[in-house]
Amino acid sequence: MAEEYDYIELTMEDGTTLNCEIFDTFAFEDKHYALLTPVEDDENDDDEGEKDEEDTYYFIMRCEVRDDEMELFEVEDDEEFERVAAYVQSLEDEEDEEDKEGD
């Protein structure tokens, strides 16, 4: 699903806009979510033009696809957000473990 929707513009609460890349989409507890990462200027890039992992952060949004259009919704329930964030962290931890085992 993420291949079809690579970038999106978010409007923040203060009215400013932020360009984001749709980093990943996933299902959790019978709902679909998207991880968005801001597309920033080159100020946080390393010599190869890639972001430092420590500087990367994500927005977690609930998503629905209707009529071939992805709609994103803020996760307003704090408990739901905490569960989803913990799930995302567990996926990152698993990936880190696999990377260590591969070295």
PDB file of N, CA and C in Angstrom:
ATOM      1  N   MET A   1       0.818  -1.189   0.000  1.00  0.00           N
ATOM      2  CA  MET A   1       0.000   0.000   0.000  1.00  0.00           C
ATOM      3  C   MET A   1       0.865   1.257   0.000  1.00  0.00           C
ATOM      4  N   ALA A   2       2.004   1.274   0.667  1.00  0.00           N
ATOM      5  CA  ALA A   2       2.823   2.472   0.767  1.00  0.00           C
ATOM      6  C   ALA A   2       3.401   2.884  -0.580  1.00  0.00           C
ATOM      7  N   GLU A   3       3.573   1.934  -1.520  1.00  0.00           N
ATOM      8  CA  GLU A   3       4.147   2.277  -2.805  1.00  0.00           C
ATOM      9  C   GLU A   3       3.266   3.243  -3.580  1.00  0.00           C
ATOM     10  N   GLU A   4       1.959   3.182  -3.389  1.00  0.00           N
ATOM     11  CA  GLU A   4       1.035   4.027  -4.123  1.00  0.00           C
ATOM     12  C   GLU A   4       0.989   5.445  -3.574  1.00  0.00           C
ATOM     13  N   TYR A   5       1.335   5.646  -2.339  1.00  0.00           N
ATOM     14  CA  TYR A   5       1.233   6.941  -1.685  1.00  0.00           C
ATOM     15  C   TYR A   5       2.571   7.237  -1.008  1.00  0.00           C
ATOM     16  N   ASP A   6       3.505   7.806  -1.743  1.00  0.00           N
ATOM     17  CA  ASP A   6       4.841   7.996  -1.201  1.00  0.00           C
ATOM     18  C   ASP A   6       4.959   9.213  -0.281  1.00  0.00           C
ATOM     19  N   TYR A   7       4.279  10.305  -0.614  1.00  0.00           N
ATOM     20  CA  TYR A   7       4.425  11.546   0.146  1.00  0.00           C
ATOM     21  C   TYR A   7       3.055  12.157   0.413  1.00  0.00           C
ATOM     22  N   ILE A   8       2.992  12.923   1.497  1.00  0.00           N
ATOM     23  CA  ILE A   8       1.744  13.578   1.873  1.00  0.00           C
ATOM     24  C   ILE A   8       2.100  14.867   2.610  1.00  0.00           C
ATOM     25  N   GLU A   9       1.216  15.820   2.540  1.00  0.00           N
ATOM     26  CA  GLU A   9       1.409  17.072   3.260  1.00  0.00           C
ATOM     27  C   GLU A   9       0.456  17.105   4.446  1.00  0.00           C
ATOM     28  N   LEU A  10       1.002  17.242   5.647  1.00  0.00           N
ATOM     29  CA  LEU A  10       0.190  17.325   6.867  1.00  0.00           C
ATOM     30  C   LEU A  10       0.002  18.785   7.247  1.00  0.00           C
ATOM     31  N   THR A  11      -1.182  19.127   7.689  1.00  0.00           N
ATOM     32  CA  THR A  11      -1.432  20.454   8.238  1.00  0.00           C
ATOM     33  C   THR A  11      -1.412  20.320   9.755  1.00  0.00           C
ATOM     34  N   MET A  12      -0.516  21.051  10.375  1.00  0.00           N
ATOM     35  CA  MET A  12      -0.343  20.976  11.819  1.00  0.00           C
ATOM     36  C   MET A  12      -1.405  21.837  12.515  1.00  0.00           C
ATOM     37  N   GLU A  13      -1.521  21.682  13.842  1.00  0.00           N
ATOM     38  CA  GLU A  13      -2.527  22.407  14.604  1.00  0.00           C
ATOM     39  C   GLU A  13      -2.388  23.918  14.477  1.00  0.00           C
ATOM     40  N   ASP A  14      -1.161  24.404  14.290  1.00  0.00           N
ATOM     41  CA  ASP A  14      -0.939  25.845  14.180  1.00  0.00           C
ATOM     42  C   ASP A  14      -1.130  26.369  12.753  1.00  0.00           C
ATOM     43  N   GLY A  15      -1.561  25.481  11.838  1.00  0.00           N
ATOM     44  CA  GLY A  15      -1.820  25.882  10.467  1.00  0.00           C
ATOM     45  C   GLY A  15      -0.638  25.721   9.523  1.00  0.00           C
ATOM     46  N   THR A  16       0.536  25.442  10.047  1.00  0.00           N
ATOM     47  CA  THR A  16       1.686  25.222   9.179  1.00  0.00           C
ATOM     48  C   THR A  16       1.569  23.847   8.525  1.00  0.00           C
ATOM     49  N   THR A  17       2.277  23.670   7.418  1.00  0.00           N
ATOM     50  CA  THR A  17       2.248  22.389   6.733  1.00  0.00           C
ATOM     51  C   THR A  17       3.611  21.725   6.844  1.00  0.00           C
ATOM     52  N   LEU A  18       3.594  20.403   6.797  1.00  0.00           N
ATOM     53  CA  LEU A  18       4.804  19.612   6.908  1.00  0.00           C
ATOM     54  C   LEU A  18       4.740  18.507   5.873  1.00  0.00           C
ATOM     55  N   ASN A  19       5.729  18.464   4.989  1.00  0.00           N
ATOM     56  CA  ASN A  19       5.801  17.400   3.994  1.00  0.00           C
ATOM     57  C   ASN A  19       6.352  16.146   4.653  1.00  0.00           C
ATOM     58  N   CYS A  20       5.675  15.021   4.439  1.00  0.00           N
ATOM     59  CA  CYS A  20       6.074  13.762   5.058  1.00  0.00           C
ATOM     60  C   CYS A  20       6.139  12.654   4.020  1.00  0.00           C
ATOM     61  N   GLU A  21       7.035  11.739   4.255  1.00  0.00           N
ATOM     62  CA  GLU A  21       7.095  10.511   3.474  1.00  0.00           C
ATOM     63  C   GLU A  21       6.313   9.445   4.220  1.00  0.00           C
ATOM     64  N   ILE A  22       5.533   8.676   3.496  1.00  0.00           N
ATOM     65  CA  ILE A  22       4.861   7.543   4.117  1.00  0.00           C
ATOM     66  C   ILE A  22       5.894   6.431   4.189  1.00  0.00           C
ATOM     67  N   PHE A  23       6.449   6.241   5.384  1.00  0.00           N
ATOM     68  CA  PHE A  23       7.547   5.311   5.603  1.00  0.00           C
ATOM     69  C   PHE A  23       7.069   3.869   5.558  1.00  0.00           C
ATOM     70  N   ASP A  24       5.906   3.617   6.150  1.00  0.00           N
ATOM     71  CA  ASP A  24       5.391   2.253   6.203  1.00  0.00           C
ATOM     72  C   ASP A  24       3.913   2.300   6.552  1.00  0.00           C
ATOM     73  N   THR A  25       3.199   1.252   6.175  1.00  0.00           N
ATOM     74  CA  THR A  25       1.827   1.046   6.625  1.00  0.00           C
ATOM     75  C   THR A  25       1.742  -0.354   7.204  1.00  0.00           C
ATOM     76  N   PHE A  26       0.863  -0.533   8.171  1.00  0.00           N
ATOM     77  CA  PHE A  26       0.748  -1.834   8.832  1.00  0.00           C
ATOM     78  C   PHE A  26      -0.611  -1.967   9.485  1.00  0.00           C
ATOM     79  N   ALA A  27      -0.982  -3.213   9.759  1.00  0.00           N
ATOM     80  CA  ALA A  27      -2.226  -3.512  10.458  1.00  0.00           C
ATOM     81  C   ALA A  27      -1.897  -3.876  11.899  1.00  0.00           C
ATOM     82  N   PHE A  28      -2.741  -3.409  12.814  1.00  0.00           N
ATOM     83  CA  PHE A  28      -2.592  -3.714  14.232  1.00  0.00           C
ATOM     84  C   PHE A  28      -3.972  -3.624  14.865  1.00  0.00           C
ATOM     85  N   GLU A  29      -4.350  -4.668  15.591  1.00  0.00           N
ATOM     86  CA  GLU A  29      -5.653  -4.724  16.269  1.00  0.00           C
ATOM     87  C   GLU A  29      -6.796  -4.368  15.309  1.00  0.00           C
ATOM     88  N   ASP A  30      -6.796  -4.988  14.146  1.00  0.00           N
ATOM     89  CA  ASP A  30      -7.865  -4.845  13.148  1.00  0.00           C
ATOM     90  C   ASP A  30      -8.025  -3.429  12.588  1.00  0.00           C
ATOM     91  N   LYS A  31      -6.999  -2.595  12.715  1.00  0.00           N
ATOM     92  CA  LYS A  31      -7.010  -1.259  12.116  1.00  0.00           C
ATOM     93  C   LYS A  31      -5.713  -1.104  11.325  1.00  0.00           C
ATOM     94  N   HIS A  32      -5.708  -0.160  10.416  1.00  0.00           N
ATOM     95  CA  HIS A  32      -4.510   0.111   9.630  1.00  0.00           C
ATOM     96  C   HIS A  32      -3.919   1.451  10.051  1.00  0.00           C
ATOM     97  N   TYR A  33      -2.586   1.481  10.052  1.00  0.00           N
ATOM     98  CA  TYR A  33      -1.857   2.671  10.479  1.00  0.00           C
ATOM     99  C   TYR A  33      -0.759   2.978   9.471  1.00  0.00           C
ATOM    100  N   ALA A  34      -0.321   4.232   9.495  1.00  0.00           N
ATOM    101  CA  ALA A  34       0.787   4.656   8.653  1.00  0.00           C
ATOM    102  C   ALA A  34       1.825   5.334   9.529  1.00  0.00           C
ATOM    103  N   LEU A  35       3.091   5.064   9.228  1.00  0.00           N
ATOM    104  CA  LEU A  35       4.198   5.777   9.855  1.00  0.00           C
ATOM    105  C   LEU A  35       4.657   6.834   8.862  1.00  0.00           C
ATOM    106  N   LEU A  36       4.619   8.082   9.287  1.00  0.00           N
ATOM    107  CA  LEU A  36       5.049   9.190   8.444  1.00  0.00           C
ATOM    108  C   LEU A  36       6.310   9.787   9.031  1.00  0.00           C
ATOM    109  N   THR A  37       7.261  10.104   8.181  1.00  0.00           N
ATOM    110  CA  THR A  37       8.469  10.772   8.637  1.00  0.00           C
ATOM    111  C   THR A  37       8.616  12.070   7.858  1.00  0.00           C
ATOM    112  N   PRO A  38       8.910  13.162   8.551  1.00  0.00           N
ATOM    113  CA  PRO A  38       9.034  14.451   7.852  1.00  0.00           C
ATOM    114  C   PRO A  38      10.151  14.422   6.811  1.00  0.00           C
ATOM    115  N   VAL A  39       9.887  15.077   5.694  1.00  0.00           N
ATOM    116  CA  VAL A  39      10.896  15.254   4.658  1.00  0.00           C
ATOM    117  C   VAL A  39      11.494  16.621   4.928  1.00  0.00           C
ATOM    118  N   GLU A  40      12.744  16.600   5.396  1.00  0.00           N
ATOM    119  CA  GLU A  40      13.379  17.839   5.818  1.00  0.00           C
ATOM    120  C   GLU A  40      14.430  18.269   4.813  1.00  0.00           C
ATOM    121  N   ASP A  41      14.952  19.455   5.049  1.00  0.00           N
ATOM    122  CA  ASP A  41      16.073  19.933   4.249  1.00  0.00           C
ATOM    123  C   ASP A  41      17.269  19.044   4.505  1.00  0.00           C
ATOM    124  N   ASP A  42      18.351  19.305   3.814  1.00  0.00           N
ATOM    125  CA  ASP A  42      19.545  18.473   3.909  1.00  0.00           C
ATOM    126  C   ASP A  42      20.352  18.720   5.171  1.00  0.00           C
ATOM    127  N   GLU A  43      19.874  19.517   6.118  1.00  0.00           N
ATOM    128  CA  GLU A  43      20.661  19.854   7.290  1.00  0.00           C
ATOM    129  C   GLU A  43      20.972  18.663   8.190  1.00  0.00           C
ATOM    130  N   ASN A  44      20.120  17.626   8.208  1.00  0.00           N
ATOM    131  CA  ASN A  44      20.353  16.461   9.056  1.00  0.00           C
ATOM    132  C   ASN A  44      20.908  15.278   8.284  1.00  0.00           C
ATOM    133  N   ASP A  45      21.311  15.497   7.042  1.00  0.00           N
ATOM    134  CA  ASP A  45      21.836  14.421   6.223  1.00  0.00           C
ATOM    135  C   ASP A  45      23.301  14.188   6.520  1.00  0.00           C
ATOM    136  N   ASP A  46      23.738  12.920   6.377  1.00  0.00           N
ATOM    137  CA  ASP A  46      25.155  12.622   6.501  1.00  0.00           C
ATOM    138  C   ASP A  46      25.816  12.824   5.140  1.00  0.00           C
ATOM    139  N   ASP A  47      27.066  12.436   4.992  1.00  0.00           N
ATOM    140  CA  ASP A  47      27.813  12.685   3.762  1.00  0.00           C
ATOM    141  C   ASP A  47      27.199  12.006   2.544  1.00  0.00           C
ATOM    142  N   GLU A  48      26.499  10.893   2.715  1.00  0.00           N
ATOM    143  CA  GLU A  48      25.876  10.194   1.601  1.00  0.00           C
ATOM    144  C   GLU A  48      24.470  10.703   1.321  1.00  0.00           C
ATOM    145  N   GLY A  49      24.011  11.713   2.045  1.00  0.00           N
ATOM    146  CA  GLY A  49      22.684  12.251   1.809  1.00  0.00           C
ATOM    147  C   GLY A  49      21.579  11.497   2.514  1.00  0.00           C
ATOM    148  N   GLU A  50      21.922  10.661   3.493  1.00  0.00           N
ATOM    149  CA  GLU A  50      20.916   9.913   4.242  1.00  0.00           C
ATOM    150  C   GLU A  50      20.779  10.511   5.636  1.00  0.00           C
ATOM    151  N   LYS A  51      19.569  10.406   6.188  1.00  0.00           N
ATOM    152  CA  LYS A  51      19.331  10.916   7.535  1.00  0.00           C
ATOM    153  C   LYS A  51      20.017  10.028   8.555  1.00  0.00           C
ATOM    154  N   ASP A  52      20.505  10.662   9.620  1.00  0.00           N
ATOM    155  CA  ASP A  52      21.013   9.905  10.751  1.00  0.00           C
ATOM    156  C   ASP A  52      19.828   9.256  11.448  1.00  0.00           C
ATOM    157  N   GLU A  53      19.974   7.973  11.853  1.00  0.00           N
ATOM    158  CA  GLU A  53      18.856   7.275  12.487  1.00  0.00           C
ATOM    159  C   GLU A  53      18.405   7.970  13.769  1.00  0.00           C
ATOM    160  N   GLU A  54      19.333   8.591  14.502  1.00  0.00           N
ATOM    161  CA  GLU A  54      18.965   9.245  15.755  1.00  0.00           C
ATOM    162  C   GLU A  54      18.057  10.439  15.515  1.00  0.00           C
ATOM    163  N   ASP A  55      18.127  11.031  14.319  1.00  0.00           N
ATOM    164  CA  ASP A  55      17.336  12.210  14.003  1.00  0.00           C
ATOM    165  C   ASP A  55      15.961  11.872  13.429  1.00  0.00           C
ATOM    166  N   THR A  56      15.699  10.600  13.163  1.00  0.00           N
ATOM    167  CA  THR A  56      14.447  10.204  12.530  1.00  0.00           C
ATOM    168  C   THR A  56      13.345  10.066  13.575  1.00  0.00           C
ATOM    169  N   TYR A  57      12.204  10.661  13.293  1.00  0.00           N
ATOM    170  CA  TYR A  57      11.035  10.468  14.149  1.00  0.00           C
ATOM    171  C   TYR A  57       9.827  10.265  13.247  1.00  0.00           C
ATOM    172  N   TYR A  58       8.777   9.718  13.820  1.00  0.00           N
ATOM    173  CA  TYR A  58       7.605   9.342  13.047  1.00  0.00           C
ATOM    174  C   TYR A  58       6.337   9.926  13.637  1.00  0.00           C
ATOM    175  N   PHE A  59       5.378  10.160  12.765  1.00  0.00           N
ATOM    176  CA  PHE A  59       4.000  10.405  13.169  1.00  0.00           C
ATOM    177  C   PHE A  59       3.269   9.097  12.941  1.00  0.00           C
ATOM    178  N   ILE A  60       2.447   8.703  13.889  1.00  0.00           N
ATOM    179  CA  ILE A  60       1.615   7.512  13.734  1.00  0.00           C
ATOM    180  C   ILE A  60       0.196   7.986  13.449  1.00  0.00           C
ATOM    181  N   MET A  61      -0.318   7.568  12.305  1.00  0.00           N
ATOM    182  CA  MET A  61      -1.655   7.974  11.897  1.00  0.00           C
ATOM    183  C   MET A  61      -2.469   6.723  11.576  1.00  0.00           C
ATOM    184  N   ARG A  62      -3.753   6.737  11.927  1.00  0.00           N
ATOM    185  CA  ARG A  62      -4.655   5.673  11.506  1.00  0.00           C
ATOM    186  C   ARG A  62      -5.036   5.965  10.056  1.00  0.00           C
ATOM    187  N   CYS A  63      -5.104   4.936   9.225  1.00  0.00           N
ATOM    188  CA  CYS A  63      -5.421   5.190   7.824  1.00  0.00           C
ATOM    189  C   CYS A  63      -6.531   4.272   7.332  1.00  0.00           C
ATOM    190  N   GLU A  64      -7.248   4.791   6.368  1.00  0.00           N
ATOM    191  CA  GLU A  64      -8.300   4.053   5.680  1.00  0.00           C
ATOM    192  C   GLU A  64      -8.175   4.380   4.204  1.00  0.00           C
ATOM    193  N   VAL A  65      -8.439   3.388   3.359  1.00  0.00           N
ATOM    194  CA  VAL A  65      -8.435   3.617   1.921  1.00  0.00           C
ATOM    195  C   VAL A  65      -9.877   3.515   1.441  1.00  0.00           C
ATOM    196  N   ARG A  66     -10.335   4.597   0.830  1.00  0.00           N
ATOM    197  CA  ARG A  66     -11.696   4.667   0.289  1.00  0.00           C
ATOM    198  C   ARG A  66     -11.612   5.192  -1.133  1.00  0.00           C
ATOM    199  N   ASP A  67     -12.214   4.471  -2.052  1.00  0.00           N
ATOM    200  CA  ASP A  67     -12.216   4.885  -3.462  1.00  0.00           C
ATOM    201  C   ASP A  67     -10.807   5.190  -3.952  1.00  0.00           C
ATOM    202  N   ASP A  68      -9.867   4.310  -3.647  1.00  0.00           N
ATOM    203  CA  ASP A  68      -8.461   4.441  -4.041  1.00  0.00           C
ATOM    204  C   ASP A  68      -7.777   5.676  -3.471  1.00  0.00           C
ATOM    205  N   GLU A  69      -8.326   6.279  -2.435  1.00  0.00           N
ATOM    206  CA  GLU A  69      -7.729   7.433  -1.774  1.00  0.00           C
ATOM    207  C   GLU A  69      -7.409   7.056  -0.324  1.00  0.00           C
ATOM    208  N   MET A  70      -6.178   7.338   0.088  1.00  0.00           N
ATOM    209  CA  MET A  70      -5.797   7.092   1.478  1.00  0.00           C
ATOM    210  C   MET A  70      -6.200   8.292   2.324  1.00  0.00           C
ATOM    211  N   GLU A  71      -6.952   8.021   3.372  1.00  0.00           N
ATOM    212  CA  GLU A  71      -7.324   9.055   4.323  1.00  0.00           C
ATOM    213  C   GLU A  71      -6.601   8.776   5.630  1.00  0.00           C
ATOM    214  N   LEU A  72      -5.995   9.803   6.202  1.00  0.00           N
ATOM    215  CA  LEU A  72      -5.257   9.673   7.454  1.00  0.00           C
ATOM    216  C   LEU A  72      -6.012  10.386   8.562  1.00  0.00           C
ATOM    217  N   PHE A  73      -5.982   9.772   9.737  1.00  0.00           N
ATOM    218  CA  PHE A  73      -6.669  10.313  10.895  1.00  0.00           C
ATOM    219  C   PHE A  73      -5.720  10.293  12.086  1.00  0.00           C
ATOM    220  N   GLU A  74      -5.773  11.326  12.880  1.00  0.00           N
ATOM    221  CA  GLU A  74      -4.984  11.375  14.101  1.00  0.00           C
ATOM    222  C   GLU A  74      -5.490  10.304  15.067  1.00  0.00           C
ATOM    223  N   VAL A  75      -4.569   9.657  15.753  1.00  0.00           N
ATOM    224  CA  VAL A  75      -4.950   8.686  16.785  1.00  0.00           C
ATOM    225  C   VAL A  75      -5.208   9.509  18.052  1.00  0.00           C
ATOM    226  N   GLU A  76      -6.470   9.754  18.338  1.00  0.00           N
ATOM    227  CA  GLU A  76      -6.831  10.654  19.429  1.00  0.00           C
ATOM    228  C   GLU A  76      -6.889   9.971  20.785  1.00  0.00           C
ATOM    229  N   ASP A  77      -7.153   8.669  20.803  1.00  0.00           N
ATOM    230  CA  ASP A  77      -7.237   7.925  22.063  1.00  0.00           C
ATOM    231  C   ASP A  77      -5.824   7.634  22.563  1.00  0.00           C
ATOM    232  N   ASP A  78      -5.485   8.151  23.740  1.00  0.00           N
ATOM    233  CA  ASP A  78      -4.128   7.997  24.279  1.00  0.00           C
ATOM    234  C   ASP A  78      -3.741   6.534  24.476  1.00  0.00           C
ATOM    235  N   GLU A  79      -4.684   5.719  24.953  1.00  0.00           N
ATOM    236  CA  GLU A  79      -4.381   4.303  25.181  1.00  0.00           C
ATOM    237  C   GLU A  79      -4.116   3.583  23.862  1.00  0.00           C
ATOM    238  N   GLU A  80      -4.915   3.879  22.842  1.00  0.00           N
ATOM    239  CA  GLU A  80      -4.692   3.281  21.519  1.00  0.00           C
ATOM    240  C   GLU A  80      -3.331   3.709  20.989  1.00  0.00           C
ATOM    241  N   PHE A  81      -3.018   5.000  21.115  1.00  0.00           N
ATOM    242  CA  PHE A  81      -1.733   5.492  20.630  1.00  0.00           C
ATOM    243  C   PHE A  81      -0.580   4.782  21.333  1.00  0.00           C
ATOM    244  N   GLU A  82      -0.665   4.615  22.643  1.00  0.00           N
ATOM    245  CA  GLU A  82       0.402   3.945  23.401  1.00  0.00           C
ATOM    246  C   GLU A  82       0.582   2.495  22.950  1.00  0.00           C
ATOM    247  N   ARG A  83      -0.513   1.791  22.695  1.00  0.00           N
ATOM    248  CA  ARG A  83      -0.421   0.397  22.223  1.00  0.00           C
ATOM    249  C   ARG A  83       0.244   0.333  20.843  1.00  0.00           C
ATOM    250  N   VAL A  84      -0.170   1.228  19.953  1.00  0.00           N
ATOM    251  CA  VAL A  84       0.402   1.236  18.606  1.00  0.00           C
ATOM    252  C   VAL A  84       1.881   1.614  18.662  1.00  0.00           C
ATOM    253  N   ALA A  85       2.213   2.620  19.460  1.00  0.00           N
ATOM    254  CA  ALA A  85       3.615   3.037  19.588  1.00  0.00           C
ATOM    255  C   ALA A  85       4.472   1.909  20.159  1.00  0.00           C
ATOM    256  N   ALA A  86       3.946   1.176  21.133  1.00  0.00           N
ATOM    257  CA  ALA A  86       4.689   0.039  21.695  1.00  0.00           C
ATOM    258  C   ALA A  86       4.879  -1.049  20.642  1.00  0.00           C
ATOM    259  N   TYR A  87       3.878  -1.273  19.820  1.00  0.00           N
ATOM    260  CA  TYR A  87       3.988  -2.258  18.743  1.00  0.00           C
ATOM    261  C   TYR A  87       5.067  -1.836  17.743  1.00  0.00           C
ATOM    262  N   VAL A  88       5.055  -0.570  17.342  1.00  0.00           N
ATOM    263  CA  VAL A  88       6.070  -0.066  16.411  1.00  0.00           C
ATOM    264  C   VAL A  88       7.460  -0.223  17.020  1.00  0.00           C
ATOM    265  N   GLN A  89       7.593   0.094  18.296  1.00  0.00           N
ATOM    266  CA  GLN A  89       8.893  -0.053  18.966  1.00  0.00           C
ATOM    267  C   GLN A  89       9.338  -1.509  18.987  1.00  0.00           C
ATOM    268  N   SER A  90       8.398  -2.434  19.205  1.00  0.00           N
ATOM    269  CA  SER A  90       8.765  -3.853  19.216  1.00  0.00           C
ATOM    270  C   SER A  90       9.244  -4.303  17.836  1.00  0.00           C
ATOM    271  N   LEU A  91       8.635  -3.771  16.773  1.00  0.00           N
ATOM    272  CA  LEU A  91       9.096  -4.092  15.421  1.00  0.00           C
ATOM    273  C   LEU A  91      10.504  -3.561  15.182  1.00  0.00           C
ATOM    274  N   GLU A  92      10.770  -2.340  15.653  1.00  0.00           N
ATOM    275  CA  GLU A  92      12.112  -1.770  15.516  1.00  0.00           C
ATOM    276  C   GLU A  92      13.133  -2.582  16.306  1.00  0.00           C
ATOM    277  N   ASP A  93      12.744  -3.017  17.505  1.00  0.00           N
ATOM    278  CA  ASP A  93      13.647  -3.833  18.321  1.00  0.00           C
ATOM    279  C   ASP A  93      13.962  -5.158  17.635  1.00  0.00           C
ATOM    280  N   GLU A  94      12.942  -5.795  17.039  1.00  0.00           N
ATOM    281  CA  GLU A  94      13.159  -7.049  16.307  1.00  0.00           C
ATOM    282  C   GLU A  94      14.107  -6.834  15.136  1.00  0.00           C
ATOM    283  N   GLU A  95      13.920  -5.738  14.427  1.00  0.00           N
ATOM    284  CA  GLU A  95      14.783  -5.430  13.280  1.00  0.00           C
ATOM    285  C   GLU A  95      16.216  -5.199  13.734  1.00  0.00           C
ATOM    286  N   ASP A  96      16.392  -4.503  14.866  1.00  0.00           N
ATOM    287  CA  ASP A  96      17.730  -4.275  15.404  1.00  0.00           C
ATOM    288  C   ASP A  96      18.397  -5.594  15.782  1.00  0.00           C
ATOM    289  N   GLU A  97      17.632  -6.510  16.382  1.00  0.00           N
ATOM    290  CA  GLU A  97      18.170  -7.817  16.756  1.00  0.00           C
ATOM    291  C   GLU A  97      18.602  -8.598  15.525  1.00  0.00           C
ATOM    292  N   GLU A  98      17.778  -8.558  14.479  1.00  0.00           N
ATOM    293  CA  GLU A  98      18.122  -9.267  13.243  1.00  0.00           C
ATOM    294  C   GLU A  98      19.380  -8.672  12.618  1.00  0.00           C
ATOM    295  N   ASP A  99      19.521  -7.341  12.687  1.00  0.00           N
ATOM    296  CA  ASP A  99      20.715  -6.702  12.139  1.00  0.00           C
ATOM    297  C   ASP A  99      21.958  -7.128  12.920  1.00  0.00           C
ATOM    298  N   LYS A 100      21.836  -7.220  14.241  1.00  0.00           N
ATOM    299  CA  LYS A 100      22.977  -7.639  15.073  1.00  0.00           C
ATOM    300  C   LYS A 100      23.371  -9.075  14.787  1.00  0.00           C
ATOM    301  N   GLU A 101      22.354  -9.947  14.608  1.00  0.00           N
ATOM    302  CA  GLU A 101      22.632 -11.346  14.319  1.00  0.00           C
ATOM    303  C   GLU A 101      23.287 -11.515  12.959  1.00  0.00           C
ATOM    304  N   GLY A 102      22.979 -10.637  12.024  1.00  0.00           N
ATOM    305  CA  GLY A 102      23.533 -10.714  10.687  1.00  0.00           C
ATOM    306  C   GLY A 102      24.965 -10.217  10.603  1.00  0.00           C
ATOM    307  N   ASP A 103      25.433  -9.467  11.604  1.00  0.00           N
ATOM    308  CA  ASP A 103      26.804  -8.918  11.587  1.00  0.00           C
ATOM    309  C   ASP A 103      27.842  -9.937  11.924  1.00  0.00           C
TER     310      ASP A 103
END
